[in-house]
Amino acid sequence: MELNRNIKMILQYDGTRYHGWQRQREAPTIQGILEDTAQELLSEPVTLIASGRTDAGVHALHQVCHFFTRSNIPPESIKRGLNSMIPSDIRVKEAVYARPDFHARYSVISKTYEYRILNSPELDLFLRFYTWHVALRLDLDKMRHCLASLLGQHDFSSFRSSGSGNMNPVREMIRAEFQESEGGLMRFVFEADGFLRHMVRNIVGTVVDVGRGRIEAEAFDAIFRSGDRQKAGIKAPPQGLFLTMVKYD
């Protein structure tokens, strides 16, 4: 019997304990746990395809994946079954039938990532797995200036880590915002039609270096246009990064 039912799922997960999305032979991953559990639930091999891979320690509020199955179990029952079997730091928020041609990765129009920083002299113990703690007071005006130049279609090679499988470094940045709330909690929000390897973390690390005074604000545009990753700033740590939305047609 053909695998003729396409199931789309929306996931949330706390990436703290996991070595990212992609299955690995000797390390726990989101994909590995979900595929193994779905195989047990459905009594057939399951291959999950996600909108994109998240790295070790990175979180998701709205990850999208899909898989094909020959099972007659309704999507809502698959959701309940998986949630009763998987660890509590992974949740299936929604499961529905999708069109046969729906593809969680190739059908994407845009993705949104949020990066959270705690800019405070003291570390908050209960935010240590969900923010990057930066003790030195940051210059927020200079940081906001940097984000404006990212909007539009550009070559983002300066913020692409080595080992990227993306041959084309050109991406369209739809939104690049910076928000501040009480207690020193800061949020960067980036929406683009796609992201290169570690692109968000490299942008945030460079912008924070500007806020610290390690890089002049006037130099940010030149670094961006250079296409040279070596000229950019540090890579921000993974725990502050959240995949917050994936949009489709």
C-alpha atoms as a PDB file:
ATOM      1  CA  MET A   1       0.000   0.000   0.000  1.00  0.00           C
ATOM      2  CA  GLU A   2       1.348   3.450  -0.899  1.00  0.00           C
ATOM      3  CA  LEU A   3       2.137   6.094   1.699  1.00  0.00           C
ATOM      4  CA  ASN A   4      -0.673   8.319   0.476  1.00  0.00           C
ATOM      5  CA  ARG A   5      -1.630  10.397   3.504  1.00  0.00           C
ATOM      6  CA  ASN A   6       0.412  13.515   4.143  1.00  0.00           C
ATOM      7  CA  ILE A   7       0.330  14.607   7.796  1.00  0.00           C
ATOM      8  CA  LYS A   8       1.444  18.117   8.735  1.00  0.00           C
ATOM      9  CA  MET A   9       2.394  18.817  12.355  1.00  0.00           C
ATOM     10  CA  ILE A  10       3.214  21.991  14.275  1.00  0.00           C
ATOM     11  CA  LEU A  11       5.709  21.413  17.072  1.00  0.00           C
ATOM     12  CA  GLN A  12       7.088  23.188  20.103  1.00  0.00           C
ATOM     13  CA  TYR A  13      10.257  22.097  21.858  1.00  0.00           C
ATOM     14  CA  ASP A  14      12.780  23.148  24.439  1.00  0.00           C
ATOM     15  CA  GLY A  15      16.100  22.417  22.759  1.00  0.00           C
ATOM     16  CA  THR A  16      18.192  22.484  25.941  1.00  0.00           C
ATOM     17  CA  ARG A  17      18.647  18.709  26.245  1.00  0.00           C
ATOM     18  CA  TYR A  18      18.905  17.949  22.540  1.00  0.00           C
ATOM     19  CA  HIS A  19      21.592  17.989  19.866  1.00  0.00           C
ATOM     20  CA  GLY A  20      19.367  19.887  17.460  1.00  0.00           C
ATOM     21  CA  TRP A  21      16.661  18.720  15.078  1.00  0.00           C
ATOM     22  CA  GLN A  22      18.507  16.308  12.807  1.00  0.00           C
ATOM     23  CA  ARG A  23      18.769  12.657  13.778  1.00  0.00           C
ATOM     24  CA  GLN A  24      22.201  11.589  15.034  1.00  0.00           C
ATOM     25  CA  ARG A  25      23.440   8.103  15.705  1.00  0.00           C
ATOM     26  CA  GLU A  26      24.535   8.529  19.338  1.00  0.00           C
ATOM     27  CA  ALA A  27      22.881  11.744  20.541  1.00  0.00           C
ATOM     28  CA  PRO A  28      19.255  12.621  21.370  1.00  0.00           C
ATOM     29  CA  THR A  29      17.587  14.841  18.774  1.00  0.00           C
ATOM     30  CA  ILE A  30      14.065  16.117  18.158  1.00  0.00           C
ATOM     31  CA  GLN A  31      13.735  14.279  14.855  1.00  0.00           C
ATOM     32  CA  GLY A  32      15.088  11.039  16.276  1.00  0.00           C
ATOM     33  CA  ILE A  33      12.692  10.983  19.209  1.00  0.00           C
ATOM     34  CA  LEU A  34       9.637  11.894  17.144  1.00  0.00           C
ATOM     35  CA  GLU A  35      10.403   9.436  14.346  1.00  0.00           C
ATOM     36  CA  ASP A  36      11.031   6.568  16.759  1.00  0.00           C
ATOM     37  CA  THR A  37       7.842   7.343  18.696  1.00  0.00           C
ATOM     38  CA  ALA A  38       5.722   7.739  15.559  1.00  0.00           C
ATOM     39  CA  GLN A  39       7.051   4.445  14.233  1.00  0.00           C
ATOM     40  CA  GLU A  40       5.966   2.735  17.442  1.00  0.00           C
ATOM     41  CA  LEU A  41       2.554   4.434  17.357  1.00  0.00           C
ATOM     42  CA  LEU A  42       1.825   3.761  13.683  1.00  0.00           C
ATOM     43  CA  SER A  43       3.623   0.415  13.328  1.00  0.00           C
ATOM     44  CA  GLU A  44       5.497   1.559  10.225  1.00  0.00           C
ATOM     45  CA  PRO A  45       8.712   3.460   9.375  1.00  0.00           C
ATOM     46  CA  VAL A  46       8.300   7.232   9.607  1.00  0.00           C
ATOM     47  CA  THR A  47      10.488   9.938   8.069  1.00  0.00           C
ATOM     48  CA  LEU A  48       9.844  13.479   9.286  1.00  0.00           C
ATOM     49  CA  ILE A  49      10.743  16.442   7.086  1.00  0.00           C
ATOM     50  CA  ALA A  50      10.981  19.776   8.908  1.00  0.00           C
ATOM     51  CA  SER A  51      10.859  23.365   7.683  1.00  0.00           C
ATOM     52  CA  GLY A  52      14.538  23.536   8.626  1.00  0.00           C
ATOM     53  CA  ARG A  53      17.086  22.192  11.076  1.00  0.00           C
ATOM     54  CA  THR A  54      17.584  23.842  14.439  1.00  0.00           C
ATOM     55  CA  ASP A  55      20.961  23.528  16.142  1.00  0.00           C
ATOM     56  CA  ALA A  56      21.782  22.054  19.530  1.00  0.00           C
ATOM     57  CA  GLY A  57      20.272  24.133  22.317  1.00  0.00           C
ATOM     58  CA  VAL A  58      17.942  26.098  20.006  1.00  0.00           C
ATOM     59  CA  HIS A  59      14.213  26.185  20.784  1.00  0.00           C
ATOM     60  CA  ALA A  60      11.046  26.227  18.670  1.00  0.00           C
ATOM     61  CA  LEU A  61       7.670  27.769  19.355  1.00  0.00           C
ATOM     62  CA  HIS A  62       6.384  26.937  15.869  1.00  0.00           C
ATOM     63  CA  GLN A  63       8.320  24.292  13.972  1.00  0.00           C
ATOM     64  CA  VAL A  64       6.520  22.633  11.069  1.00  0.00           C
ATOM     65  CA  CYS A  65       7.140  19.120   9.798  1.00  0.00           C
ATOM     66  CA  HIS A  66       5.334  16.551   7.664  1.00  0.00           C
ATOM     67  CA  PHE A  67       5.398  12.839   6.923  1.00  0.00           C
ATOM     68  CA  PHE A  68       3.589  10.346   4.724  1.00  0.00           C
ATOM     69  CA  THR A  69       1.755   7.366   6.179  1.00  0.00           C
ATOM     70  CA  ARG A  70      -0.508   4.520   5.157  1.00  0.00           C
ATOM     71  CA  SER A  71      -2.157   4.530   8.593  1.00  0.00           C
ATOM     72  CA  ASN A  72      -5.863   5.313   8.968  1.00  0.00           C
ATOM     73  CA  ILE A  73      -5.347   6.844  12.412  1.00  0.00           C
ATOM     74  CA  PRO A  74      -6.766  10.417  12.286  1.00  0.00           C
ATOM     75  CA  PRO A  75      -4.272  13.284  12.734  1.00  0.00           C
ATOM     76  CA  GLU A  76      -5.815  14.402  16.027  1.00  0.00           C
ATOM     77  CA  SER A  77      -5.346  10.898  17.422  1.00  0.00           C
ATOM     78  CA  ILE A  78      -1.750  10.873  16.177  1.00  0.00           C
ATOM     79  CA  LYS A  79      -1.206  14.142  18.033  1.00  0.00           C
ATOM     80  CA  ARG A  80      -2.646  12.775  21.276  1.00  0.00           C
ATOM     81  CA  GLY A  81      -0.774   9.509  20.938  1.00  0.00           C
ATOM     82  CA  LEU A  82       2.574  11.157  20.346  1.00  0.00           C
ATOM     83  CA  ASN A  83       2.114  13.618  23.197  1.00  0.00           C
ATOM     84  CA  SER A  84       1.380  10.755  25.576  1.00  0.00           C
ATOM     85  CA  MET A  85       4.644   9.045  24.631  1.00  0.00           C
ATOM     86  CA  ILE A  86       7.270  11.744  23.963  1.00  0.00           C
ATOM     87  CA  PRO A  87       9.191  13.707  26.645  1.00  0.00           C
ATOM     88  CA  SER A  88       7.418  16.714  28.148  1.00  0.00           C
ATOM     89  CA  ASP A  89       9.891  19.182  26.583  1.00  0.00           C
ATOM     90  CA  ILE A  90       8.567  18.290  23.097  1.00  0.00           C
ATOM     91  CA  ARG A  91       4.916  18.926  22.175  1.00  0.00           C
ATOM     92  CA  VAL A  92       2.825  18.371  19.082  1.00  0.00           C
ATOM     93  CA  LYS A  93       0.585  21.443  19.008  1.00  0.00           C
ATOM     94  CA  GLU A  94      -1.358  20.516  15.874  1.00  0.00           C
ATOM     95  CA  ALA A  95      -1.661  17.630  13.417  1.00  0.00           C
ATOM     96  CA  VAL A  96      -3.750  17.860  10.243  1.00  0.00           C
ATOM     97  CA  TYR A  97      -4.030  16.325   6.786  1.00  0.00           C
ATOM     98  CA  ALA A  98      -2.050  18.301   4.214  1.00  0.00           C
ATOM     99  CA  ARG A  99      -2.214  18.403   0.434  1.00  0.00           C
ATOM    100  CA  PRO A 100      -0.166  15.638  -1.221  1.00  0.00           C
ATOM    101  CA  ASP A 101       2.205  18.254  -2.636  1.00  0.00           C
ATOM    102  CA  PHE A 102       2.756  20.075   0.671  1.00  0.00           C
ATOM    103  CA  HIS A 103       6.412  20.052   1.691  1.00  0.00           C
ATOM    104  CA  ALA A 104       7.411  21.462   5.072  1.00  0.00           C
ATOM    105  CA  ARG A 105      10.713  22.767   3.712  1.00  0.00           C
ATOM    106  CA  TYR A 106      10.190  23.602   0.049  1.00  0.00           C
ATOM    107  CA  SER A 107       6.732  25.176   0.458  1.00  0.00           C
ATOM    108  CA  VAL A 108       7.993  27.795   2.939  1.00  0.00           C
ATOM    109  CA  ILE A 109       7.394  31.472   2.122  1.00  0.00           C
ATOM    110  CA  SER A 110       9.131  32.903   5.185  1.00  0.00           C
ATOM    111  CA  LYS A 111      10.447  32.018   8.621  1.00  0.00           C
ATOM    112  CA  THR A 112      10.668  34.132  11.745  1.00  0.00           C
ATOM    113  CA  TYR A 113      13.305  33.741  14.428  1.00  0.00           C
ATOM    114  CA  GLU A 114      13.506  35.538  17.747  1.00  0.00           C
ATOM    115  CA  TYR A 115      16.716  35.966  19.709  1.00  0.00           C
ATOM    116  CA  ARG A 116      16.516  36.874  23.402  1.00  0.00           C
ATOM    117  CA  ILE A 117      19.174  38.647  25.443  1.00  0.00           C
ATOM    118  CA  LEU A 118      19.226  39.448  29.139  1.00  0.00           C
ATOM    119  CA  ASN A 119      21.218  42.672  29.462  1.00  0.00           C
ATOM    120  CA  SER A 120      21.674  42.838  33.198  1.00  0.00           C
ATOM    121  CA  PRO A 121      24.622  42.928  35.630  1.00  0.00           C
ATOM    122  CA  GLU A 122      23.384  39.707  37.241  1.00  0.00           C
ATOM    123  CA  LEU A 123      22.414  36.411  35.651  1.00  0.00           C
ATOM    124  CA  ASP A 124      18.802  35.311  36.095  1.00  0.00           C
ATOM    125  CA  LEU A 125      19.059  31.648  37.063  1.00  0.00           C
ATOM    126  CA  PHE A 126      15.701  30.775  35.512  1.00  0.00           C
ATOM    127  CA  LEU A 127      16.506  32.393  32.161  1.00  0.00           C
ATOM    128  CA  ARG A 128      19.943  30.887  31.676  1.00  0.00           C
ATOM    129  CA  PHE A 129      18.720  28.280  29.166  1.00  0.00           C
ATOM    130  CA  TYR A 130      16.555  30.760  27.232  1.00  0.00           C
ATOM    131  CA  THR A 131      18.605  33.967  26.948  1.00  0.00           C
ATOM    132  CA  TRP A 132      22.133  35.118  26.303  1.00  0.00           C
ATOM    133  CA  HIS A 133      23.267  36.937  29.425  1.00  0.00           C
ATOM    134  CA  VAL A 134      25.262  40.076  28.549  1.00  0.00           C
ATOM    135  CA  ALA A 135      26.375  41.906  31.688  1.00  0.00           C
ATOM    136  CA  LEU A 136      27.883  45.028  30.061  1.00  0.00           C
ATOM    137  CA  ARG A 137      25.308  47.745  29.341  1.00  0.00           C
ATOM    138  CA  LEU A 138      24.619  47.880  25.600  1.00  0.00           C
ATOM    139  CA  ASP A 139      24.167  50.962  23.414  1.00  0.00           C
ATOM    140  CA  LEU A 140      20.685  50.272  22.047  1.00  0.00           C
ATOM    141  CA  ASP A 141      20.586  53.174  19.593  1.00  0.00           C
ATOM    142  CA  LYS A 142      23.678  51.923  17.789  1.00  0.00           C
ATOM    143  CA  MET A 143      22.251  48.411  17.677  1.00  0.00           C
ATOM    144  CA  ARG A 144      18.981  49.590  16.128  1.00  0.00           C
ATOM    145  CA  HIS A 145      20.939  51.492  13.481  1.00  0.00           C
ATOM    146  CA  CYS A 146      22.608  48.241  12.410  1.00  0.00           C
ATOM    147  CA  LEU A 147      19.332  46.386  11.871  1.00  0.00           C
ATOM    148  CA  ALA A 148      17.960  48.936   9.400  1.00  0.00           C
ATOM    149  CA  SER A 149      20.605  48.074   6.808  1.00  0.00           C
ATOM    150  CA  LEU A 150      19.594  44.389   6.806  1.00  0.00           C
ATOM    151  CA  LEU A 151      16.163  44.951   5.262  1.00  0.00           C
ATOM    152  CA  GLY A 152      15.659  43.936   1.655  1.00  0.00           C
ATOM    153  CA  GLN A 153      17.418  41.469  -0.604  1.00  0.00           C
ATOM    154  CA  HIS A 154      21.135  41.104   0.091  1.00  0.00           C
ATOM    155  CA  ASP A 155      24.094  38.751   0.026  1.00  0.00           C
ATOM    156  CA  PHE A 156      24.395  37.589   3.666  1.00  0.00           C
ATOM    157  CA  SER A 157      27.763  35.832   3.263  1.00  0.00           C
ATOM    158  CA  SER A 158      29.230  37.935   6.086  1.00  0.00           C
ATOM    159  CA  PHE A 159      26.877  36.186   8.488  1.00  0.00           C
ATOM    160  CA  ARG A 160      27.095  32.653   7.091  1.00  0.00           C
ATOM    161  CA  SER A 161      29.083  30.080   9.059  1.00  0.00           C
ATOM    162  CA  SER A 162      31.349  27.627   7.294  1.00  0.00           C
ATOM    163  CA  GLY A 163      29.806  24.277   6.462  1.00  0.00           C
ATOM    164  CA  SER A 164      26.627  25.810   5.114  1.00  0.00           C
ATOM    165  CA  GLY A 165      24.917  23.742   2.443  1.00  0.00           C
ATOM    166  CA  ASN A 166      23.327  26.847   0.918  1.00  0.00           C
ATOM    167  CA  MET A 167      25.025  27.667  -2.369  1.00  0.00           C
ATOM    168  CA  ASN A 168      23.143  30.946  -2.873  1.00  0.00           C
ATOM    169  CA  PRO A 169      23.869  33.440  -0.053  1.00  0.00           C
ATOM    170  CA  VAL A 170      21.216  35.939  -1.190  1.00  0.00           C
ATOM    171  CA  ARG A 171      18.203  36.237   1.092  1.00  0.00           C
ATOM    172  CA  GLU A 172      15.394  38.755   1.488  1.00  0.00           C
ATOM    173  CA  MET A 173      15.077  40.140   5.006  1.00  0.00           C
ATOM    174  CA  ILE A 174      11.441  41.116   5.504  1.00  0.00           C
ATOM    175  CA  ARG A 175      11.648  42.218   9.125  1.00  0.00           C
ATOM    176  CA  ALA A 176      14.534  43.058  11.444  1.00  0.00           C
ATOM    177  CA  GLU A 177      13.373  44.519  14.733  1.00  0.00           C
ATOM    178  CA  PHE A 178      14.706  45.121  18.194  1.00  0.00           C
ATOM    179  CA  GLN A 179      12.457  45.269  21.236  1.00  0.00           C
ATOM    180  CA  GLU A 180      13.270  46.030  24.864  1.00  0.00           C
ATOM    181  CA  SER A 181      11.191  45.199  27.938  1.00  0.00           C
ATOM    182  CA  GLU A 182      11.581  45.661  31.677  1.00  0.00           C
ATOM    183  CA  GLY A 183      14.360  43.938  33.533  1.00  0.00           C
ATOM    184  CA  GLY A 184      16.847  44.164  30.677  1.00  0.00           C
ATOM    185  CA  LEU A 185      15.170  41.525  28.491  1.00  0.00           C
ATOM    186  CA  MET A 186      15.743  42.255  24.803  1.00  0.00           C
ATOM    187  CA  ARG A 187      14.336  40.561  21.729  1.00  0.00           C
ATOM    188  CA  PHE A 188      15.593  40.595  18.174  1.00  0.00           C
ATOM    189  CA  VAL A 189      12.980  39.535  15.600  1.00  0.00           C
ATOM    190  CA  PHE A 190      14.042  38.474  12.102  1.00  0.00           C
ATOM    191  CA  GLU A 191      11.734  37.382   9.286  1.00  0.00           C
ATOM    192  CA  ALA A 192      13.210  36.336   5.945  1.00  0.00           C
ATOM    193  CA  ASP A 193      12.481  34.108   2.990  1.00  0.00           C
ATOM    194  CA  GLY A 194      15.280  31.858   4.231  1.00  0.00           C
ATOM    195  CA  PHE A 195      18.296  31.784   6.514  1.00  0.00           C
ATOM    196  CA  LEU A 196      21.883  30.659   6.058  1.00  0.00           C
ATOM    197  CA  ARG A 197      23.759  28.502   8.567  1.00  0.00           C
ATOM    198  CA  HIS A 198      23.972  30.372  11.914  1.00  0.00           C
ATOM    199  CA  MET A 199      22.871  33.556  10.130  1.00  0.00           C
ATOM    200  CA  VAL A 200      20.726  34.902  12.972  1.00  0.00           C
ATOM    201  CA  ARG A 201      23.276  34.087  15.653  1.00  0.00           C
ATOM    202  CA  ASN A 202      26.075  35.704  13.637  1.00  0.00           C
ATOM    203  CA  ILE A 203      24.013  38.845  13.036  1.00  0.00           C
ATOM    204  CA  VAL A 204      23.094  39.117  16.709  1.00  0.00           C
ATOM    205  CA  GLY A 205      26.679  38.530  17.839  1.00  0.00           C
ATOM    206  CA  THR A 206      27.932  41.271  15.509  1.00  0.00           C
ATOM    207  CA  VAL A 207      25.221  43.726  16.551  1.00  0.00           C
ATOM    208  CA  VAL A 208      25.976  43.044  20.220  1.00  0.00           C
ATOM    209  CA  ASP A 209      29.660  43.714  19.528  1.00  0.00           C
ATOM    210  CA  VAL A 210      28.540  47.099  18.189  1.00  0.00           C
ATOM    211  CA  GLY A 211      26.485  47.663  21.351  1.00  0.00           C
ATOM    212  CA  ARG A 212      29.517  46.802  23.467  1.00  0.00           C
ATOM    213  CA  GLY A 213      31.739  49.191  21.533  1.00  0.00           C
ATOM    214  CA  ARG A 214      33.958  46.454  20.107  1.00  0.00           C
ATOM    215  CA  ILE A 215      32.844  47.330  16.567  1.00  0.00           C
ATOM    216  CA  GLU A 216      32.033  50.869  15.444  1.00  0.00           C
ATOM    217  CA  ALA A 217      28.440  51.327  14.353  1.00  0.00           C
ATOM    218  CA  GLU A 218      29.636  53.016  11.154  1.00  0.00           C
ATOM    219  CA  ALA A 219      31.642  49.894  10.305  1.00  0.00           C
ATOM    220  CA  PHE A 220      28.663  47.540  10.425  1.00  0.00           C
ATOM    221  CA  ASP A 221      27.470  48.344   6.889  1.00  0.00           C
ATOM    222  CA  ALA A 222      30.977  47.833   5.481  1.00  0.00           C
ATOM    223  CA  ILE A 223      31.244  44.472   7.262  1.00  0.00           C
ATOM    224  CA  PHE A 224      27.839  43.448   5.920  1.00  0.00           C
ATOM    225  CA  ARG A 225      28.729  44.417   2.339  1.00  0.00           C
ATOM    226  CA  SER A 226      32.150  42.794   2.469  1.00  0.00           C
ATOM    227  CA  GLY A 227      30.839  39.231   2.316  1.00  0.00           C
ATOM    228  CA  ASP A 228      33.661  38.235   4.678  1.00  0.00           C
ATOM    229  CA  ARG A 229      32.602  36.263   7.772  1.00  0.00           C
ATOM    230  CA  GLN A 230      36.018  36.907   9.340  1.00  0.00           C
ATOM    231  CA  LYS A 231      35.276  40.632   9.558  1.00  0.00           C
ATOM    232  CA  ALA A 232      31.994  40.147  11.419  1.00  0.00           C
ATOM    233  CA  GLY A 233      31.563  39.668  15.148  1.00  0.00           C
ATOM    234  CA  ILE A 234      31.126  36.651  17.356  1.00  0.00           C
ATOM    235  CA  LYS A 235      28.442  34.001  16.998  1.00  0.00           C
ATOM    236  CA  ALA A 236      25.793  34.391  19.687  1.00  0.00           C
ATOM    237  CA  PRO A 237      25.205  31.273  21.825  1.00  0.00           C
ATOM    238  CA  PRO A 238      22.326  28.952  20.872  1.00  0.00           C
ATOM    239  CA  GLN A 239      20.102  29.127  23.944  1.00  0.00           C
ATOM    240  CA  GLY A 240      18.693  32.572  23.111  1.00  0.00           C
ATOM    241  CA  LEU A 241      17.363  31.509  19.695  1.00  0.00           C
ATOM    242  CA  PHE A 242      13.734  30.538  19.036  1.00  0.00           C
ATOM    243  CA  LEU A 243      12.022  29.563  15.788  1.00  0.00           C
ATOM    244  CA  THR A 244       8.711  31.378  16.233  1.00  0.00           C
ATOM    245  CA  MET A 245       6.835  31.115  12.915  1.00  0.00           C
ATOM    246  CA  VAL A 246       6.906  29.388   9.532  1.00  0.00           C
ATOM    247  CA  LYS A 247       4.606  30.761   6.812  1.00  0.00           C
ATOM    248  CA  TYR A 248       3.213  28.962   3.769  1.00  0.00           C
ATOM    249  CA  ASP A 249       0.875  29.823   0.896  1.00  0.00           C
END
